[in-house]
């Protein structure tokens, strides 16, 4: 914590977390007891957990989009082969031949 003032002159965004950490650190005999407050303060400064979560969400979104694109491609191939796909009554070649006669 360099100055205690933010860029615009007010309190910085992580000042409350810094106060909690410094209060805990001053009152305890073992600094390891303040690990949660230190983690909160560091997360506020660097956003490491938030960034990791955003990357995981993006990776899952990309994985699902890729899977849906592959499924969509398979479905488009099936639709291109026949008009009534589920029953298989009208095939593309037969429909064109009937339309031509």
N, C-alpha and C. Protein backbone atom coordinates (compact mmCIF):
# COMPACT_ATOMS: atom_id res chain seq x y z
N UNK A 1 0.85 -1.15 0.00
CA UNK A 1 0.00 0.00 0.00
C UNK A 1 0.90 1.22 0.00
N UNK A 2 0.93 1.92 -1.05
CA UNK A 2 1.89 3.01 -1.21
C UNK A 2 1.47 4.26 -0.46
N UNK A 3 0.32 4.84 -0.75
CA UNK A 3 0.01 6.15 -0.20
C UNK A 3 -1.28 6.21 0.60
N UNK A 4 -2.22 5.36 0.33
CA UNK A 4 -3.51 5.44 1.00
C UNK A 4 -4.52 6.28 0.24
N UNK A 5 -4.14 6.83 -0.91
CA UNK A 5 -5.05 7.62 -1.74
C UNK A 5 -5.19 6.97 -3.10
N UNK A 6 -6.36 7.05 -3.66
CA UNK A 6 -6.56 6.47 -4.99
C UNK A 6 -6.15 7.48 -6.06
N UNK A 7 -6.33 7.07 -7.29
CA UNK A 7 -5.94 7.90 -8.43
C UNK A 7 -6.69 9.23 -8.44
N UNK A 8 -7.95 9.20 -8.03
CA UNK A 8 -8.77 10.42 -8.03
C UNK A 8 -8.77 11.14 -6.69
N UNK A 9 -8.01 10.67 -5.72
CA UNK A 9 -7.89 11.35 -4.45
C UNK A 9 -8.70 10.75 -3.32
N UNK A 10 -9.62 9.84 -3.60
CA UNK A 10 -10.42 9.21 -2.55
C UNK A 10 -9.69 8.01 -1.97
N UNK A 11 -10.43 7.17 -1.27
CA UNK A 11 -9.82 5.96 -0.73
C UNK A 11 -9.64 4.95 -1.86
N UNK A 12 -8.57 4.19 -1.84
CA UNK A 12 -8.34 3.19 -2.88
C UNK A 12 -9.34 2.04 -2.78
N UNK A 13 -9.48 1.28 -3.86
CA UNK A 13 -10.49 0.23 -3.92
C UNK A 13 -10.23 -0.89 -2.93
N UNK A 14 -9.00 -1.15 -2.58
CA UNK A 14 -8.66 -2.26 -1.69
C UNK A 14 -8.34 -1.81 -0.27
N UNK A 15 -8.64 -0.57 0.06
CA UNK A 15 -8.27 -0.03 1.36
C UNK A 15 -8.97 -0.76 2.50
N UNK A 16 -10.23 -1.13 2.32
CA UNK A 16 -10.96 -1.85 3.37
C UNK A 16 -10.32 -3.20 3.66
N UNK A 17 -9.87 -3.90 2.60
CA UNK A 17 -9.20 -5.18 2.79
C UNK A 17 -7.86 -4.99 3.49
N UNK A 18 -7.15 -3.91 3.14
CA UNK A 18 -5.88 -3.60 3.78
C UNK A 18 -6.08 -3.32 5.27
N UNK A 19 -7.13 -2.60 5.62
CA UNK A 19 -7.40 -2.30 7.02
C UNK A 19 -7.71 -3.58 7.80
N UNK A 20 -8.49 -4.47 7.23
CA UNK A 20 -8.79 -5.74 7.89
C UNK A 20 -7.51 -6.54 8.11
N UNK A 21 -6.67 -6.60 7.10
CA UNK A 21 -5.43 -7.35 7.21
C UNK A 21 -4.50 -6.73 8.25
N UNK A 22 -4.34 -5.42 8.20
CA UNK A 22 -3.41 -4.78 9.15
C UNK A 22 -3.93 -4.87 10.58
N UNK A 23 -5.25 -4.80 10.78
CA UNK A 23 -5.82 -4.96 12.12
C UNK A 23 -5.57 -6.37 12.65
N UNK A 24 -5.78 -7.37 11.80
CA UNK A 24 -5.52 -8.76 12.19
C UNK A 24 -4.05 -8.97 12.50
N UNK A 25 -3.20 -8.43 11.67
CA UNK A 25 -1.75 -8.61 11.82
C UNK A 25 -1.25 -7.96 13.11
N UNK A 26 -1.84 -6.82 13.48
CA UNK A 26 -1.41 -6.13 14.70
C UNK A 26 -1.89 -6.85 15.95
N UNK A 27 -3.02 -7.56 15.88
CA UNK A 27 -3.60 -8.18 17.06
C UNK A 27 -3.15 -9.61 17.29
N UNK A 28 -2.52 -10.25 16.33
CA UNK A 28 -2.22 -11.67 16.46
C UNK A 28 -0.74 -11.90 16.80
N UNK A 29 -0.47 -13.05 17.39
CA UNK A 29 0.91 -13.43 17.69
C UNK A 29 1.54 -14.18 16.53
N UNK A 30 0.72 -14.91 15.78
CA UNK A 30 1.20 -15.69 14.64
C UNK A 30 0.64 -15.09 13.36
N UNK A 31 1.48 -14.58 12.48
CA UNK A 31 0.99 -13.98 11.23
C UNK A 31 0.22 -14.96 10.34
N UNK A 32 0.43 -16.25 10.53
CA UNK A 32 -0.28 -17.23 9.69
C UNK A 32 -1.78 -17.23 9.97
N UNK A 33 -2.21 -16.67 11.10
CA UNK A 33 -3.63 -16.59 11.40
C UNK A 33 -4.35 -15.57 10.52
N UNK A 34 -3.62 -14.70 9.88
CA UNK A 34 -4.21 -13.64 9.03
C UNK A 34 -4.15 -14.01 7.55
N UNK A 35 -4.02 -15.28 7.25
CA UNK A 35 -3.88 -15.71 5.86
C UNK A 35 -5.13 -15.38 5.04
N UNK A 36 -6.31 -15.54 5.62
CA UNK A 36 -7.54 -15.25 4.87
C UNK A 36 -7.65 -13.77 4.50
N UNK A 37 -7.30 -12.90 5.46
CA UNK A 37 -7.34 -11.47 5.18
C UNK A 37 -6.30 -11.08 4.14
N UNK A 38 -5.12 -11.71 4.21
CA UNK A 38 -4.08 -11.43 3.23
C UNK A 38 -4.51 -11.90 1.84
N UNK A 39 -5.16 -13.06 1.77
CA UNK A 39 -5.65 -13.56 0.48
C UNK A 39 -6.71 -12.63 -0.11
N UNK A 40 -7.61 -12.14 0.75
CA UNK A 40 -8.63 -11.20 0.27
C UNK A 40 -8.00 -9.93 -0.29
N UNK A 41 -7.00 -9.42 0.42
CA UNK A 41 -6.34 -8.19 -0.02
C UNK A 41 -5.60 -8.41 -1.34
N UNK A 42 -4.90 -9.52 -1.46
CA UNK A 42 -4.16 -9.81 -2.70
C UNK A 42 -5.12 -10.06 -3.87
N UNK A 43 -6.26 -10.68 -3.60
CA UNK A 43 -7.26 -10.88 -4.66
C UNK A 43 -7.80 -9.55 -5.13
N UNK A 44 -8.02 -8.64 -4.20
CA UNK A 44 -8.51 -7.31 -4.57
C UNK A 44 -7.48 -6.58 -5.43
N UNK A 45 -6.21 -6.74 -5.11
CA UNK A 45 -5.17 -6.06 -5.89
C UNK A 45 -4.97 -6.66 -7.27
N UNK A 46 -4.91 -7.99 -7.35
CA UNK A 46 -4.46 -8.64 -8.59
C UNK A 46 -5.55 -9.41 -9.34
N UNK A 47 -6.68 -9.72 -8.71
CA UNK A 47 -7.80 -10.42 -9.35
C UNK A 47 -7.39 -11.78 -9.92
N UNK A 48 -6.51 -12.51 -9.25
CA UNK A 48 -6.02 -13.79 -9.78
C UNK A 48 -7.13 -14.84 -9.83
N UNK A 49 -7.93 -14.97 -8.77
CA UNK A 49 -9.01 -15.96 -8.77
C UNK A 49 -10.09 -15.60 -9.78
N UNK A 50 -10.38 -14.34 -9.90
CA UNK A 50 -11.39 -13.89 -10.86
C UNK A 50 -10.94 -14.18 -12.29
N UNK A 51 -9.69 -13.95 -12.58
CA UNK A 51 -9.15 -14.21 -13.92
C UNK A 51 -9.17 -15.70 -14.21
N UNK A 52 -8.77 -16.53 -13.22
CA UNK A 52 -8.77 -17.98 -13.41
C UNK A 52 -10.18 -18.49 -13.66
N UNK A 53 -11.16 -17.96 -12.93
CA UNK A 53 -12.54 -18.38 -13.13
C UNK A 53 -13.05 -17.97 -14.51
N UNK A 54 -12.71 -16.76 -14.94
CA UNK A 54 -13.13 -16.30 -16.27
C UNK A 54 -12.52 -17.16 -17.36
N UNK A 55 -11.27 -17.56 -17.19
CA UNK A 55 -10.63 -18.44 -18.18
C UNK A 55 -11.30 -19.80 -18.22
N UNK A 56 -11.67 -20.34 -17.05
CA UNK A 56 -12.35 -21.64 -17.01
C UNK A 56 -13.72 -21.56 -17.67
N UNK A 57 -14.44 -20.49 -17.43
CA UNK A 57 -15.76 -20.30 -18.06
C UNK A 57 -15.62 -20.18 -19.56
N UNK A 58 -14.62 -19.43 -20.03
CA UNK A 58 -14.41 -19.27 -21.46
C UNK A 58 -14.02 -20.60 -22.11
N UNK A 59 -13.16 -21.37 -21.44
CA UNK A 59 -12.76 -22.67 -21.99
C UNK A 59 -13.96 -23.61 -22.11
N UNK A 60 -14.84 -23.61 -21.11
CA UNK A 60 -16.03 -24.44 -21.17
C UNK A 60 -16.97 -23.98 -22.28
N UNK A 61 -17.11 -22.67 -22.44
CA UNK A 61 -17.94 -22.13 -23.52
C UNK A 61 -17.41 -22.54 -24.88
N UNK A 62 -16.10 -22.44 -25.07
CA UNK A 62 -15.49 -22.82 -26.35
C UNK A 62 -15.66 -24.31 -26.59
N UNK A 63 -15.50 -25.12 -25.54
CA UNK A 63 -15.66 -26.57 -25.68
C UNK A 63 -17.09 -26.91 -26.10
N UNK A 64 -18.08 -26.28 -25.45
CA UNK A 64 -19.47 -26.55 -25.82
C UNK A 64 -19.80 -26.05 -27.21
N UNK A 65 -19.27 -24.89 -27.59
CA UNK A 65 -19.52 -24.35 -28.93
C UNK A 65 -18.92 -25.26 -29.99
N UNK A 66 -17.73 -25.79 -29.73
CA UNK A 66 -17.10 -26.71 -30.67
C UNK A 66 -17.92 -27.99 -30.80
N UNK A 67 -18.39 -28.50 -29.67
CA UNK A 67 -19.20 -29.72 -29.69
C UNK A 67 -20.51 -29.49 -30.45
N UNK A 68 -21.16 -28.36 -30.19
CA UNK A 68 -22.41 -28.05 -30.88
C UNK A 68 -22.18 -27.83 -32.37
N UNK A 69 -21.04 -27.27 -32.73
CA UNK A 69 -20.74 -27.07 -34.15
C UNK A 69 -20.55 -28.41 -34.85
N UNK A 70 -19.90 -29.35 -34.18
CA UNK A 70 -19.72 -30.68 -34.76
C UNK A 70 -21.06 -31.39 -34.89
N UNK A 71 -21.91 -31.29 -33.87
CA UNK A 71 -23.24 -31.89 -33.94
C UNK A 71 -24.07 -31.22 -35.03
N UNK A 72 -23.96 -29.91 -35.14
CA UNK A 72 -24.70 -29.19 -36.18
C UNK A 72 -24.24 -29.58 -37.56
N UNK A 73 -22.96 -29.81 -37.72
CA UNK A 73 -22.42 -30.23 -39.01
C UNK A 73 -22.97 -31.60 -39.36
N UNK A 74 -23.05 -32.51 -38.39
CA UNK A 74 -23.60 -33.83 -38.64
C UNK A 74 -25.07 -33.72 -39.03
N UNK A 75 -25.80 -32.89 -38.34
CA UNK A 75 -27.22 -32.72 -38.63
C UNK A 75 -27.42 -32.09 -40.01
N UNK A 76 -26.57 -31.15 -40.39
CA UNK A 76 -26.67 -30.53 -41.71
C UNK A 76 -26.38 -31.55 -42.80
N UNK A 77 -25.42 -32.46 -42.57
CA UNK A 77 -25.13 -33.50 -43.55
C UNK A 77 -26.33 -34.43 -43.72
N UNK A 78 -26.99 -34.76 -42.64
CA UNK A 78 -28.17 -35.63 -42.71
C UNK A 78 -29.31 -34.91 -43.45
N UNK A 79 -29.51 -33.63 -43.13
CA UNK A 79 -30.57 -32.88 -43.79
C UNK A 79 -30.30 -32.71 -45.28
N UNK A 80 -29.04 -32.64 -45.67
CA UNK A 80 -28.71 -32.49 -47.08
C UNK A 80 -28.99 -33.76 -47.86
N UNK A 81 -28.97 -34.93 -47.20
CA UNK A 81 -29.20 -36.20 -47.89
C UNK A 81 -30.68 -36.44 -48.20
N UNK A 82 -31.56 -36.04 -47.34
CA UNK A 82 -32.97 -36.34 -47.56
C UNK A 82 -33.87 -35.24 -47.04
N UNK A 83 -35.06 -35.18 -47.58
CA UNK A 83 -36.01 -34.16 -47.16
C UNK A 83 -36.65 -34.56 -45.85
N UNK A 84 -37.20 -35.78 -45.79
CA UNK A 84 -37.77 -36.28 -44.55
C UNK A 84 -36.75 -37.23 -43.95
N UNK A 85 -36.01 -36.71 -43.00
CA UNK A 85 -34.86 -37.44 -42.48
C UNK A 85 -35.28 -38.53 -41.53
N UNK A 86 -36.20 -38.22 -40.61
CA UNK A 86 -36.57 -39.16 -39.57
C UNK A 86 -37.18 -40.44 -40.11
N UNK A 87 -38.01 -40.35 -41.13
CA UNK A 87 -38.71 -41.51 -41.66
C UNK A 87 -37.94 -42.11 -42.84
N UNK A 88 -37.29 -41.28 -43.61
CA UNK A 88 -36.53 -41.76 -44.75
C UNK A 88 -37.39 -42.11 -45.95
N UNK A 89 -38.59 -41.51 -46.07
CA UNK A 89 -39.48 -41.82 -47.18
C UNK A 89 -39.06 -41.15 -48.47
N UNK A 90 -38.68 -39.91 -48.40
CA UNK A 90 -38.34 -39.17 -49.60
C UNK A 90 -36.85 -38.88 -49.58
N UNK A 91 -36.16 -39.42 -50.56
CA UNK A 91 -34.73 -39.16 -50.68
C UNK A 91 -34.52 -38.04 -51.68
N UNK A 92 -33.39 -37.43 -51.63
CA UNK A 92 -33.11 -36.29 -52.49
C UNK A 92 -33.15 -36.69 -53.97
N UNK A 93 -32.57 -37.80 -54.32
CA UNK A 93 -32.53 -38.24 -55.72
C UNK A 93 -33.94 -38.55 -56.25
N UNK A 94 -34.80 -39.16 -55.43
CA UNK A 94 -36.14 -39.49 -55.87
C UNK A 94 -37.00 -38.24 -56.00
N UNK A 95 -36.83 -37.28 -55.14
CA UNK A 95 -37.61 -36.04 -55.20
C UNK A 95 -37.29 -35.25 -56.45
N UNK A 96 -36.02 -35.21 -56.84
CA UNK A 96 -35.61 -34.50 -58.04
C UNK A 96 -36.12 -35.21 -59.29
N UNK A 97 -36.10 -36.57 -59.29
CA UNK A 97 -36.57 -37.33 -60.43
C UNK A 97 -38.08 -37.16 -60.60
N UNK A 98 -38.82 -37.11 -59.49
CA UNK A 98 -40.27 -36.95 -59.59
C UNK A 98 -40.63 -35.56 -60.05
N UNK A 99 -39.84 -34.56 -59.63
CA UNK A 99 -40.10 -33.18 -60.03
C UNK A 99 -39.79 -32.98 -61.51
N UNK A 100 -38.84 -33.71 -62.06
CA UNK A 100 -38.45 -33.57 -63.45
C UNK A 100 -39.48 -34.21 -64.39
N UNK A 101 -40.22 -35.26 -63.94
CA UNK A 101 -41.17 -35.92 -64.85
C UNK A 101 -42.53 -35.32 -64.85
